[in-house]
Amino acid sequence: MKVGFIGLGIMGKPMSKNLIKAGHELVVCDHNPESVEELVSLGAKAAGTAAEVAKDCSVIITMVQNSPQVKAIALGEGGIMETAKVGTVLIDMSSIDPVESRKIGSELAKKGIDMLDAPVSGGEPKAVDGTLSVMVGGDRATFDRFSALLKVMAGSVVYVGELGAGNITKLANQIIVACNIAAMGEALAFSKKAGADPNLVYQAIRGGLAGSTVLDAKAPMVLSRNFKPGFRLELHIKDLTNALNAAHSIDSPVPLTSQIMEMMQALKVDGCEKEDHSALAKYFEKMSGIVIE
């Protein structure tokens, strides 16, 4: 299948590589020429704008930072809507505001362009090995047509409802992940402060009810002082901002999300925003006056 792929960042680059490995023909576009050149060296074709991608491809995947970027790519000058043919499908795998997903999809539909919102969970490691979790909203028939394409990049691809439901699900996911990391940081800081070895505490509790995928992915990073980003703290701040905005618009209380957002904002002030979101543990280290290691 010939696929357009826009956004070759920390997630998009390995995802696009997996599509090439699976035999798909890619047309790629990104503001970073080095990333584009890397994909071209693997057999992809380069495009300068989203409009060029849409002129060449009837299915386009976007993997960019937030709602404004998706809107510009889809509807802005040099965007998909300028050149896309009737029947083109945009699969937006970015994590954005679900309200914006629906607005963008509505505008694209006026030109006969269908849209799926298909955000992912799993971070860079799962993007690399092709085992991401993908939650997809949009027309069910369109999902059925492209689910096999999505499975090239994922271990789990689940249809969750109409357009926007994918990003609602992703925001729910990000709330749970944030709460898990915060609880882990608090517990490990408590263990260290109380005189126990936090690594032994982790090993003891990981097999019980407190064990989780988040715990096993993030506790070893904190314990080894490895905050190389698989998912940057600033991106989790972006997701929680979208979650808070969406929740407030429907009067859904999110007190835990609000509190963790303030912790993340404090870490941003300390210059940790480019680090992995496991750096949330540093908030508890600073408050307790200890280092978890």
Protein backbone atom coordinates (compact mmCIF):
# COMPACT_ATOMS: atom_id res chain seq x y z
CA MET A 1 0.00 0.00 0.00
CA LYS A 2 1.20 3.53 -0.75
CA VAL A 3 1.06 5.53 2.48
CA GLY A 4 1.80 9.15 3.29
CA PHE A 5 3.44 9.67 6.68
CA ILE A 6 3.75 13.15 8.18
CA GLY A 7 5.72 13.57 11.41
CA LEU A 8 9.00 11.71 11.91
CA GLY A 9 9.69 12.47 15.55
CA ILE A 10 10.51 10.19 18.46
CA MET A 11 7.42 8.08 17.71
CA GLY A 12 6.73 8.68 14.03
CA LYS A 13 10.17 7.69 12.79
CA PRO A 14 10.15 4.12 14.18
CA MET A 15 6.49 3.70 13.22
CA SER A 16 7.23 4.66 9.63
CA LYS A 17 10.24 2.34 9.58
CA ASN A 18 7.98 -0.57 10.57
CA LEU A 19 5.67 0.25 7.66
CA ILE A 20 8.62 0.12 5.26
CA LYS A 21 9.80 -3.18 6.77
CA ALA A 22 6.32 -4.58 6.13
CA GLY A 23 6.62 -3.70 2.43
CA HIS A 24 4.55 -0.54 2.26
CA GLU A 25 5.58 2.30 -0.05
CA LEU A 26 5.98 5.52 1.95
CA VAL A 27 5.92 9.21 1.07
CA VAL A 28 7.25 11.10 4.10
CA CYS A 29 7.24 14.71 5.24
CA ASP A 30 8.82 16.36 8.28
CA HIS A 31 10.40 19.69 9.23
CA ASN A 32 13.62 17.84 10.17
CA PRO A 33 15.55 17.10 6.94
CA GLU A 34 17.78 14.56 8.68
CA SER A 35 14.78 12.43 9.64
CA VAL A 36 13.44 12.63 6.09
CA GLU A 37 16.84 11.64 4.66
CA GLU A 38 17.01 8.66 7.01
CA LEU A 39 13.67 7.36 5.76
CA VAL A 40 14.60 8.08 2.13
CA SER A 41 17.71 5.95 2.64
CA LEU A 42 15.36 3.08 3.57
CA GLY A 43 13.29 3.48 0.42
CA ALA A 44 10.76 6.22 1.21
CA LYS A 45 10.02 9.15 -1.08
CA ALA A 46 10.33 12.70 0.32
CA ALA A 47 7.64 15.39 0.07
CA GLY A 48 8.02 19.04 0.99
CA THR A 49 4.45 19.71 2.15
CA ALA A 50 1.34 17.89 3.32
CA ALA A 51 -0.31 18.92 0.03
CA GLU A 52 2.42 17.07 -1.89
CA VAL A 53 1.83 13.99 0.24
CA ALA A 54 -1.94 14.13 -0.37
CA LYS A 55 -1.43 14.55 -4.11
CA ASP A 56 0.52 11.29 -4.15
CA CYS A 57 -1.30 9.18 -1.52
CA SER A 58 -4.90 8.24 -0.78
CA VAL A 59 -4.14 7.25 2.82
CA ILE A 60 -2.14 9.60 5.05
CA ILE A 61 -0.91 9.07 8.60
CA THR A 62 -0.06 12.04 10.81
CA MET A 63 2.00 11.76 14.00
CA VAL A 64 2.64 15.27 15.31
CA GLN A 65 2.62 17.11 18.62
CA ASN A 66 -0.83 18.62 19.18
CA SER A 67 -4.11 19.94 17.79
CA PRO A 68 -2.73 23.09 16.08
CA GLN A 69 -0.22 21.04 14.09
CA VAL A 70 -2.85 18.54 12.95
CA LYS A 71 -5.20 21.37 11.97
CA ALA A 72 -2.48 23.11 9.95
CA ILE A 73 -1.50 19.89 8.17
CA ALA A 74 -5.10 19.01 7.36
CA LEU A 75 -6.69 22.38 6.64
CA GLY A 76 -3.97 25.03 6.40
CA GLU A 77 -1.96 26.47 3.54
CA GLY A 78 -0.05 23.68 1.83
CA GLY A 79 -2.22 21.18 3.69
CA ILE A 80 -3.95 17.95 2.82
CA MET A 81 -7.27 19.56 1.88
CA GLU A 82 -5.65 21.50 -0.99
CA THR A 83 -4.85 18.44 -3.11
CA ALA A 84 -6.55 15.39 -1.60
CA LYS A 85 -8.94 13.46 -3.82
CA VAL A 86 -12.41 12.35 -2.80
CA GLY A 87 -12.04 9.12 -0.85
CA THR A 88 -8.71 10.03 0.75
CA VAL A 89 -8.39 8.88 4.38
CA LEU A 90 -6.48 10.74 7.08
CA ILE A 91 -5.41 8.59 10.02
CA ASP A 92 -4.30 10.98 12.74
CA MET A 93 -2.20 9.04 15.25
CA SER A 94 -1.29 12.16 17.24
CA SER A 95 -2.69 12.69 20.74
CA ILE A 96 -4.88 15.79 20.53
CA ASP A 97 -8.06 17.35 21.90
CA PRO A 98 -11.03 15.18 20.84
CA VAL A 99 -13.14 18.30 20.21
CA GLU A 100 -10.54 19.43 17.67
CA SER A 101 -10.47 15.98 16.06
CA ARG A 102 -14.18 16.26 15.39
CA LYS A 103 -13.88 19.81 14.02
CA ILE A 104 -11.05 18.84 11.68
CA GLY A 105 -12.91 15.72 10.56
CA SER A 106 -16.03 17.76 9.84
CA GLU A 107 -14.11 20.16 7.59
CA LEU A 108 -12.36 17.34 5.74
CA ALA A 109 -15.68 15.59 5.17
CA LYS A 110 -16.85 18.57 3.11
CA LYS A 111 -14.31 17.53 0.48
CA GLY A 112 -15.04 13.83 0.75
CA ILE A 113 -12.03 13.07 2.97
CA ASP A 114 -12.60 10.60 5.80
CA MET A 115 -10.71 10.76 9.11
CA LEU A 116 -9.86 8.37 11.88
CA ASP A 117 -8.37 9.51 15.18
CA ALA A 118 -5.98 6.76 16.25
CA PRO A 119 -3.70 7.88 19.09
CA VAL A 120 -1.18 5.44 20.50
CA SER A 121 0.17 4.36 23.86
CA GLY A 122 3.45 2.65 24.64
CA GLY A 123 6.17 5.22 24.09
CA GLU A 124 9.30 4.93 21.97
CA PRO A 125 10.24 1.32 22.92
CA LYS A 126 6.91 -0.03 21.69
CA ALA A 127 7.02 2.22 18.62
CA VAL A 128 10.37 0.65 17.76
CA ASP A 129 9.27 -2.96 18.20
CA GLY A 130 5.83 -2.42 16.67
CA THR A 131 3.78 -3.29 19.74
CA LEU A 132 1.97 -0.02 20.39
CA SER A 133 -1.59 0.09 21.66
CA VAL A 134 -3.82 1.98 19.23
CA MET A 135 -7.29 3.27 20.10
CA VAL A 136 -9.32 4.26 17.05
CA GLY A 137 -12.36 6.48 16.54
CA GLY A 138 -14.25 7.13 13.32
CA ASP A 139 -16.34 5.31 10.75
CA ARG A 140 -16.37 1.57 11.49
CA ALA A 141 -16.08 0.56 7.84
CA THR A 142 -13.04 2.80 7.39
CA PHE A 143 -11.49 1.29 10.50
CA ASP A 144 -12.04 -2.20 9.13
CA ARG A 145 -10.31 -1.24 5.86
CA PHE A 146 -7.18 0.02 7.59
CA SER A 147 -6.92 -2.05 10.77
CA ALA A 148 -4.36 -4.37 9.12
CA LEU A 149 -2.20 -1.35 8.24
CA LEU A 150 -2.36 -0.16 11.86
CA LYS A 151 -1.44 -3.61 13.16
CA VAL A 152 1.91 -3.34 11.38
CA MET A 153 2.80 -0.73 14.02
CA ALA A 154 0.90 -2.17 16.96
CA GLY A 155 0.28 -5.13 19.21
CA SER A 156 -3.25 -3.96 19.96
CA VAL A 157 -5.67 -2.06 17.70
CA VAL A 158 -9.10 -1.43 19.20
CA TYR A 159 -12.11 0.37 17.71
CA VAL A 160 -13.65 2.60 20.40
CA GLY A 161 -16.42 4.52 18.63
CA GLU A 162 -17.11 7.59 16.51
CA LEU A 163 -14.53 10.20 15.56
CA GLY A 164 -13.04 11.73 18.73
CA ALA A 165 -13.48 8.58 20.80
CA GLY A 166 -9.89 7.57 20.06
CA ASN A 167 -8.54 10.70 21.71
CA ILE A 168 -11.03 10.48 24.59
CA THR A 169 -9.66 6.99 25.25
CA LYS A 170 -6.08 8.23 24.98
CA LEU A 171 -6.73 11.00 27.49
CA ALA A 172 -8.22 8.45 29.89
CA ASN A 173 -5.08 6.36 29.35
CA GLN A 174 -2.84 9.33 30.11
CA ILE A 175 -4.72 10.13 33.30
CA ILE A 176 -4.16 6.56 34.53
CA VAL A 177 -0.48 6.54 33.50
CA ALA A 178 0.16 9.87 35.24
CA CYS A 179 -1.50 8.63 38.42
CA ASN A 180 0.52 5.41 38.29
CA ILE A 181 3.85 7.22 37.89
CA ALA A 182 3.01 9.69 40.64
CA ALA A 183 2.03 6.88 43.02
CA MET A 184 5.21 4.98 42.15
CA GLY A 185 7.39 8.04 42.80
CA GLU A 186 5.68 8.74 46.11
CA ALA A 187 6.01 5.10 47.24
CA LEU A 188 9.67 4.77 46.26
CA ALA A 189 10.53 8.08 47.90
CA PHE A 190 8.73 6.95 51.06
CA SER A 191 10.63 3.64 51.00
CA LYS A 192 13.99 5.39 50.65
CA LYS A 193 13.20 7.95 53.34
CA ALA A 194 12.09 5.17 55.71
CA GLY A 195 15.41 3.36 55.28
CA ALA A 196 14.44 0.52 52.94
CA ASP A 197 16.15 -0.32 49.64
CA PRO A 198 13.75 1.02 46.99
CA ASN A 199 14.90 -1.57 44.46
CA LEU A 200 14.04 -4.42 46.83
CA VAL A 201 10.71 -2.76 47.60
CA TYR A 202 10.00 -2.60 43.87
CA GLN A 203 10.96 -6.25 43.35
CA ALA A 204 8.73 -7.30 46.25
CA ILE A 205 5.60 -5.45 45.18
CA ARG A 206 5.76 -5.88 41.39
CA GLY A 207 4.22 -9.36 41.53
CA GLY A 208 1.28 -8.30 43.69
CA LEU A 209 -1.76 -6.12 43.22
CA ALA A 210 0.40 -2.98 43.00
CA GLY A 211 2.29 -4.42 40.03
CA SER A 212 1.59 -2.86 36.63
CA THR A 213 3.02 -2.28 33.17
CA VAL A 214 3.76 1.30 34.21
CA LEU A 215 5.62 0.16 37.34
CA ASP A 216 7.78 -2.29 35.40
CA ALA A 217 8.54 0.25 32.67
CA LYS A 218 9.31 3.25 34.89
CA ALA A 219 10.64 2.04 38.27
CA PRO A 220 13.88 0.62 36.73
CA MET A 221 14.43 3.95 34.95
CA VAL A 222 14.11 5.92 38.19
CA LEU A 223 16.26 3.48 40.15
CA SER A 224 19.06 3.66 37.55
CA ARG A 225 18.70 7.47 37.17
CA ASN A 226 17.90 7.02 33.49
CA PHE A 227 15.52 9.77 32.40
CA LYS A 228 16.21 9.52 28.68
CA PRO A 229 12.81 10.25 27.17
CA GLY A 230 10.66 7.46 25.86
CA PHE A 231 7.83 9.93 26.39
CA ARG A 232 8.79 13.48 27.33
CA LEU A 233 7.32 15.12 30.41
CA GLU A 234 6.31 18.14 28.31
CA LEU A 235 4.18 15.89 26.10
CA HIS A 236 2.42 14.45 29.13
CA ILE A 237 1.76 18.02 30.27
CA LYS A 238 0.20 18.62 26.85
CA ASP A 239 -2.00 15.54 27.22
CA LEU A 240 -3.14 16.48 30.71
CA THR A 241 -3.90 20.00 29.49
CA ASN A 242 -6.18 18.46 26.86
CA ALA A 243 -7.69 16.16 29.49
CA LEU A 244 -8.40 19.04 31.86
CA ASN A 245 -9.91 21.17 29.09
CA ALA A 246 -12.13 18.32 27.89
CA ALA A 247 -13.18 17.40 31.43
CA HIS A 248 -14.02 20.97 32.38
CA SER A 249 -16.10 21.41 29.23
CA ILE A 250 -18.40 18.56 30.32
CA ASP A 251 -18.27 19.18 34.10
CA SER A 252 -16.37 15.96 34.81
CA PRO A 253 -14.28 16.31 38.00
CA VAL A 254 -10.59 15.38 37.65
CA PRO A 255 -8.95 16.26 40.98
CA LEU A 256 -6.08 13.76 40.69
CA THR A 257 -5.25 14.94 37.18
CA SER A 258 -5.22 18.54 38.38
CA GLN A 259 -2.84 17.78 41.24
CA ILE A 260 -0.42 15.79 39.08
CA MET A 261 -0.46 18.56 36.49
CA GLU A 262 0.81 20.96 39.17
CA MET A 263 3.61 18.50 40.05
CA MET A 264 4.60 18.34 36.40
CA GLN A 265 4.51 22.13 36.11
CA ALA A 266 6.89 22.35 39.09
CA LEU A 267 9.28 19.95 37.34
CA LYS A 268 9.04 22.04 34.18
CA VAL A 269 10.16 25.07 36.21
CA ASP A 270 13.12 22.94 37.38
CA GLY A 271 14.08 22.28 33.74
CA CYS A 272 12.94 18.65 33.54
CA GLU A 273 10.38 19.02 30.74
CA LYS A 274 12.59 17.29 28.12
CA GLU A 275 13.14 14.27 30.37
CA ASP A 276 11.03 11.11 30.45
CA HIS A 277 7.77 11.45 32.35
CA SER A 278 9.21 9.05 34.93
CA ALA A 279 11.05 12.19 36.14
CA LEU A 280 7.81 12.85 38.02
CA ALA A 281 9.58 10.90 40.79
CA LYS A 282 11.97 13.85 41.13
CA TYR A 283 9.12 15.90 42.57
CA PHE A 284 8.94 13.54 45.55
CA GLU A 285 12.73 13.41 45.82
CA LYS A 286 12.87 17.20 46.11
CA MET A 287 10.04 17.27 48.65
CA SER A 288 11.64 14.49 50.73
CA GLY A 289 15.26 15.56 50.38
CA ILE A 290 16.39 12.15 49.12
CA VAL A 291 17.43 10.50 45.84
CA ILE A 292 15.74 7.26 44.76
CA GLU A 293 18.51 4.89 43.66
